């Protein structure tokens, strides 16, 4: 895993812990996916599913309702330092979600 992907995954893990503490949200399935697929692949799978279904992930919805979009995976995907890990379509999907609030 390259350095940027490692940093991305660590950021997602940190956000997961913060979501649990600050929003009382325990993203069990997301945690399982991170362990199994790593951060970048987990993000790509969830984004792909969202694009295909037209619906954001349950985690996004939960954090939206908590008023904490800053803790979403989509927020991390849109950060300039991680954009090299994702396609333009994936980044644009995340931006649209975050802007639709």
N, C-alpha and C. Protein backbone atom coordinates (compact mmCIF):
# COMPACT_ATOMS: atom_id res chain seq x y z
N UNK A 1 0.86 -1.18 0.00
CA UNK A 1 0.00 0.00 0.00
C UNK A 1 0.90 1.24 0.00
N UNK A 2 0.59 2.16 -0.89
CA UNK A 2 1.43 3.36 -0.93
C UNK A 2 1.06 4.31 0.21
N UNK A 3 1.89 5.32 0.38
CA UNK A 3 1.76 6.22 1.52
C UNK A 3 0.42 6.96 1.54
N UNK A 4 -0.02 7.43 0.38
CA UNK A 4 -1.28 8.18 0.33
C UNK A 4 -2.46 7.26 0.67
N UNK A 5 -2.45 6.05 0.14
CA UNK A 5 -3.52 5.10 0.43
C UNK A 5 -3.52 4.75 1.92
N UNK A 6 -2.34 4.61 2.50
CA UNK A 6 -2.22 4.32 3.93
C UNK A 6 -2.79 5.47 4.76
N UNK A 7 -2.47 6.70 4.38
CA UNK A 7 -2.99 7.87 5.09
C UNK A 7 -4.51 7.95 4.96
N UNK A 8 -5.01 7.65 3.76
CA UNK A 8 -6.45 7.67 3.54
C UNK A 8 -7.14 6.66 4.45
N UNK A 9 -6.62 5.46 4.49
CA UNK A 9 -7.22 4.42 5.33
C UNK A 9 -7.18 4.81 6.81
N UNK A 10 -6.08 5.37 7.25
CA UNK A 10 -5.98 5.80 8.64
C UNK A 10 -6.97 6.92 8.96
N UNK A 11 -7.18 7.81 8.00
CA UNK A 11 -8.16 8.87 8.20
C UNK A 11 -9.57 8.28 8.34
N UNK A 12 -9.88 7.30 7.51
CA UNK A 12 -11.20 6.66 7.61
C UNK A 12 -11.37 5.98 8.96
N UNK A 13 -10.34 5.33 9.43
CA UNK A 13 -10.41 4.66 10.74
C UNK A 13 -10.61 5.68 11.86
N UNK A 14 -9.92 6.80 11.76
CA UNK A 14 -10.08 7.86 12.75
C UNK A 14 -11.51 8.42 12.72
N UNK A 15 -12.02 8.64 11.53
CA UNK A 15 -13.39 9.15 11.40
C UNK A 15 -14.40 8.16 11.96
N UNK A 16 -14.13 6.88 11.76
CA UNK A 16 -15.01 5.84 12.27
C UNK A 16 -15.08 5.91 13.80
N UNK A 17 -13.94 6.07 14.43
CA UNK A 17 -13.90 6.18 15.89
C UNK A 17 -14.61 7.44 16.37
N UNK A 18 -14.41 8.53 15.65
CA UNK A 18 -15.07 9.78 16.02
C UNK A 18 -16.58 9.68 15.84
N UNK A 19 -17.03 9.01 14.78
CA UNK A 19 -18.46 8.83 14.55
C UNK A 19 -19.09 8.03 15.69
N UNK A 20 -18.35 7.03 16.14
CA UNK A 20 -18.85 6.20 17.24
C UNK A 20 -18.98 7.04 18.51
N UNK A 21 -17.99 7.87 18.77
CA UNK A 21 -17.98 8.68 19.98
C UNK A 21 -18.93 9.87 19.89
N UNK A 22 -18.89 10.58 18.77
CA UNK A 22 -19.62 11.84 18.66
C UNK A 22 -21.05 11.70 18.17
N UNK A 23 -21.34 10.63 17.44
CA UNK A 23 -22.69 10.44 16.89
C UNK A 23 -23.35 9.15 17.38
N UNK A 24 -22.63 8.43 18.22
CA UNK A 24 -23.12 7.14 18.71
C UNK A 24 -23.48 6.21 17.55
N UNK A 25 -22.64 6.26 16.54
CA UNK A 25 -22.83 5.44 15.34
C UNK A 25 -21.66 4.48 15.23
N UNK A 26 -21.96 3.20 15.24
CA UNK A 26 -20.93 2.18 15.13
C UNK A 26 -21.05 1.53 13.75
N UNK A 27 -20.23 1.96 12.80
CA UNK A 27 -20.32 1.44 11.43
C UNK A 27 -19.67 0.06 11.28
N UNK A 28 -20.34 -0.94 11.80
CA UNK A 28 -19.80 -2.30 11.83
C UNK A 28 -19.44 -2.82 10.45
N UNK A 29 -20.35 -2.69 9.51
CA UNK A 29 -20.10 -3.21 8.15
C UNK A 29 -18.94 -2.45 7.49
N UNK A 30 -18.89 -1.15 7.69
CA UNK A 30 -17.81 -0.34 7.13
C UNK A 30 -16.47 -0.81 7.71
N UNK A 31 -16.44 -1.05 9.00
CA UNK A 31 -15.23 -1.54 9.66
C UNK A 31 -14.81 -2.89 9.08
N UNK A 32 -15.77 -3.77 8.85
CA UNK A 32 -15.47 -5.07 8.25
C UNK A 32 -14.89 -4.89 6.85
N UNK A 33 -15.49 -4.00 6.09
CA UNK A 33 -15.00 -3.75 4.73
C UNK A 33 -13.57 -3.19 4.75
N UNK A 34 -13.31 -2.27 5.67
CA UNK A 34 -11.95 -1.72 5.79
C UNK A 34 -10.94 -2.81 6.08
N UNK A 35 -11.29 -3.70 7.00
CA UNK A 35 -10.38 -4.79 7.35
C UNK A 35 -10.15 -5.74 6.19
N UNK A 36 -11.20 -5.99 5.44
CA UNK A 36 -11.12 -6.95 4.35
C UNK A 36 -10.51 -6.37 3.07
N UNK A 37 -10.87 -5.13 2.74
CA UNK A 37 -10.50 -4.57 1.44
C UNK A 37 -9.55 -3.38 1.49
N UNK A 38 -9.36 -2.81 2.66
CA UNK A 38 -8.56 -1.60 2.76
C UNK A 38 -9.40 -0.37 2.46
N UNK A 39 -8.85 0.79 2.74
CA UNK A 39 -9.60 2.03 2.63
C UNK A 39 -10.01 2.41 1.22
N UNK A 40 -9.08 2.36 0.29
CA UNK A 40 -9.37 2.80 -1.08
C UNK A 40 -10.40 1.88 -1.73
N UNK A 41 -10.19 0.59 -1.62
CA UNK A 41 -11.13 -0.36 -2.24
C UNK A 41 -12.50 -0.28 -1.59
N UNK A 42 -12.56 -0.10 -0.29
CA UNK A 42 -13.84 0.07 0.40
C UNK A 42 -14.57 1.30 -0.14
N UNK A 43 -13.85 2.40 -0.25
CA UNK A 43 -14.46 3.63 -0.77
C UNK A 43 -14.96 3.41 -2.20
N UNK A 44 -14.14 2.79 -3.03
CA UNK A 44 -14.53 2.55 -4.42
C UNK A 44 -15.78 1.66 -4.51
N UNK A 45 -15.85 0.66 -3.67
CA UNK A 45 -17.03 -0.22 -3.67
C UNK A 45 -18.28 0.53 -3.24
N UNK A 46 -18.17 1.32 -2.18
CA UNK A 46 -19.34 2.05 -1.69
C UNK A 46 -19.78 3.13 -2.68
N UNK A 47 -18.81 3.80 -3.28
CA UNK A 47 -19.14 4.82 -4.28
C UNK A 47 -19.80 4.16 -5.49
N UNK A 48 -19.22 3.05 -5.95
CA UNK A 48 -19.79 2.33 -7.09
C UNK A 48 -21.22 1.89 -6.82
N UNK A 49 -21.46 1.41 -5.63
CA UNK A 49 -22.80 0.99 -5.24
C UNK A 49 -23.75 2.18 -5.23
N UNK A 50 -23.27 3.30 -4.72
CA UNK A 50 -24.09 4.52 -4.69
C UNK A 50 -24.42 5.03 -6.08
N UNK A 51 -23.44 4.99 -6.97
CA UNK A 51 -23.66 5.43 -8.35
C UNK A 51 -24.69 4.51 -9.01
N UNK A 52 -24.52 3.21 -8.81
CA UNK A 52 -25.41 2.23 -9.45
C UNK A 52 -26.85 2.32 -8.92
N UNK A 53 -26.99 2.51 -7.61
CA UNK A 53 -28.33 2.50 -7.01
C UNK A 53 -28.98 3.88 -6.97
N UNK A 54 -28.15 4.91 -7.04
CA UNK A 54 -28.68 6.27 -6.90
C UNK A 54 -28.89 6.68 -5.46
N UNK A 55 -28.44 5.84 -4.53
CA UNK A 55 -28.61 6.12 -3.11
C UNK A 55 -27.27 6.13 -2.39
N UNK A 56 -27.07 7.07 -1.48
CA UNK A 56 -25.83 7.05 -0.70
C UNK A 56 -25.83 5.87 0.27
N UNK A 57 -24.67 5.60 0.83
CA UNK A 57 -24.54 4.51 1.79
C UNK A 57 -25.31 4.82 3.07
N UNK A 58 -25.60 3.78 3.83
CA UNK A 58 -26.27 3.96 5.12
C UNK A 58 -25.44 4.84 6.05
N UNK A 59 -24.12 4.65 6.00
CA UNK A 59 -23.24 5.45 6.85
C UNK A 59 -23.32 6.93 6.52
N UNK A 60 -23.35 7.25 5.23
CA UNK A 60 -23.48 8.64 4.82
C UNK A 60 -24.79 9.22 5.37
N UNK A 61 -25.87 8.46 5.20
CA UNK A 61 -27.18 8.93 5.65
C UNK A 61 -27.19 9.15 7.16
N UNK A 62 -26.62 8.22 7.90
CA UNK A 62 -26.57 8.35 9.36
C UNK A 62 -25.77 9.58 9.78
N UNK A 63 -24.62 9.79 9.16
CA UNK A 63 -23.80 10.95 9.52
C UNK A 63 -24.43 12.25 9.04
N UNK A 64 -25.16 12.21 7.94
CA UNK A 64 -25.92 13.37 7.48
C UNK A 64 -26.94 13.77 8.54
N UNK A 65 -27.67 12.78 9.04
CA UNK A 65 -28.70 13.04 10.05
C UNK A 65 -28.08 13.53 11.36
N UNK A 66 -26.85 13.16 11.61
CA UNK A 66 -26.12 13.60 12.80
C UNK A 66 -25.52 15.00 12.59
N UNK A 67 -25.58 15.48 11.35
CA UNK A 67 -24.99 16.79 11.04
C UNK A 67 -23.48 16.76 10.96
N UNK A 68 -22.92 15.60 10.60
CA UNK A 68 -21.47 15.43 10.59
C UNK A 68 -20.97 14.88 9.26
N UNK A 69 -21.25 15.59 8.19
CA UNK A 69 -20.74 15.16 6.89
C UNK A 69 -19.22 15.18 6.83
N UNK A 70 -18.61 15.93 7.74
CA UNK A 70 -17.14 15.95 7.80
C UNK A 70 -16.56 14.60 8.21
N UNK A 71 -17.38 13.74 8.76
CA UNK A 71 -16.91 12.41 9.17
C UNK A 71 -17.17 11.34 8.12
N UNK A 72 -17.71 11.73 6.98
CA UNK A 72 -18.01 10.75 5.94
C UNK A 72 -16.79 10.39 5.11
N UNK A 73 -16.84 9.19 4.58
CA UNK A 73 -15.81 8.73 3.64
C UNK A 73 -15.79 9.65 2.41
N UNK A 74 -16.98 10.08 1.99
CA UNK A 74 -17.08 10.95 0.82
C UNK A 74 -16.32 12.26 1.02
N UNK A 75 -16.35 12.77 2.22
CA UNK A 75 -15.61 13.99 2.55
C UNK A 75 -14.11 13.77 2.35
N UNK A 76 -13.62 12.63 2.79
CA UNK A 76 -12.20 12.32 2.62
C UNK A 76 -11.83 12.15 1.16
N UNK A 77 -12.69 11.49 0.39
CA UNK A 77 -12.42 11.28 -1.04
C UNK A 77 -12.22 12.62 -1.75
N UNK A 78 -12.93 13.64 -1.33
CA UNK A 78 -12.87 14.95 -1.99
C UNK A 78 -11.66 15.79 -1.59
N UNK A 79 -10.92 15.36 -0.60
CA UNK A 79 -9.74 16.12 -0.18
C UNK A 79 -8.67 16.06 -1.27
N UNK A 80 -8.04 17.19 -1.56
CA UNK A 80 -7.04 17.22 -2.63
C UNK A 80 -5.94 16.18 -2.48
N UNK A 81 -5.51 15.91 -1.27
CA UNK A 81 -4.41 14.97 -1.06
C UNK A 81 -4.77 13.53 -1.40
N UNK A 82 -6.06 13.22 -1.52
CA UNK A 82 -6.47 11.85 -1.82
C UNK A 82 -7.06 11.68 -3.22
N UNK A 83 -7.24 12.75 -3.94
CA UNK A 83 -7.92 12.66 -5.23
C UNK A 83 -7.18 11.81 -6.25
N UNK A 84 -5.89 11.65 -6.10
CA UNK A 84 -5.14 10.80 -7.05
C UNK A 84 -5.52 9.33 -6.91
N UNK A 85 -6.19 8.97 -5.83
CA UNK A 85 -6.59 7.58 -5.59
C UNK A 85 -7.90 7.21 -6.29
N UNK A 86 -8.61 8.23 -6.79
CA UNK A 86 -9.96 8.01 -7.30
C UNK A 86 -10.14 8.59 -8.69
N UNK A 87 -11.15 8.07 -9.39
CA UNK A 87 -11.47 8.59 -10.72
C UNK A 87 -12.24 9.90 -10.59
N UNK A 88 -12.30 10.63 -11.66
CA UNK A 88 -13.08 11.87 -11.69
C UNK A 88 -14.55 11.58 -11.38
N UNK A 89 -15.07 10.49 -11.92
CA UNK A 89 -16.47 10.12 -11.67
C UNK A 89 -16.71 9.86 -10.18
N UNK A 90 -15.79 9.17 -9.54
CA UNK A 90 -15.94 8.87 -8.10
C UNK A 90 -15.89 10.16 -7.27
N UNK A 91 -14.96 11.03 -7.60
CA UNK A 91 -14.83 12.29 -6.87
C UNK A 91 -16.07 13.16 -7.08
N UNK A 92 -16.53 13.24 -8.32
CA UNK A 92 -17.71 14.06 -8.61
C UNK A 92 -18.96 13.54 -7.91
N UNK A 93 -19.10 12.23 -7.83
CA UNK A 93 -20.22 11.64 -7.10
C UNK A 93 -20.19 12.11 -5.64
N UNK A 94 -19.03 12.02 -5.02
CA UNK A 94 -18.89 12.43 -3.62
C UNK A 94 -19.16 13.92 -3.45
N UNK A 95 -18.65 14.72 -4.37
CA UNK A 95 -18.89 16.17 -4.30
C UNK A 95 -20.38 16.47 -4.40
N UNK A 96 -21.07 15.80 -5.31
CA UNK A 96 -22.52 16.03 -5.47
C UNK A 96 -23.26 15.69 -4.19
N UNK A 97 -22.89 14.59 -3.55
CA UNK A 97 -23.54 14.22 -2.29
C UNK A 97 -23.33 15.30 -1.23
N UNK A 98 -22.09 15.73 -1.10
CA UNK A 98 -21.77 16.71 -0.07
C UNK A 98 -22.40 18.07 -0.33
N UNK A 99 -22.56 18.42 -1.60
CA UNK A 99 -23.15 19.71 -1.95
C UNK A 99 -24.67 19.68 -1.86
N UNK A 100 -25.26 18.49 -1.90
CA UNK A 100 -26.72 18.36 -1.89
C UNK A 100 -27.32 18.55 -0.51
N UNK A 101 -26.47 18.57 0.49
CA UNK A 101 -26.95 18.64 1.87
C UNK A 101 -28.14 19.52 2.01
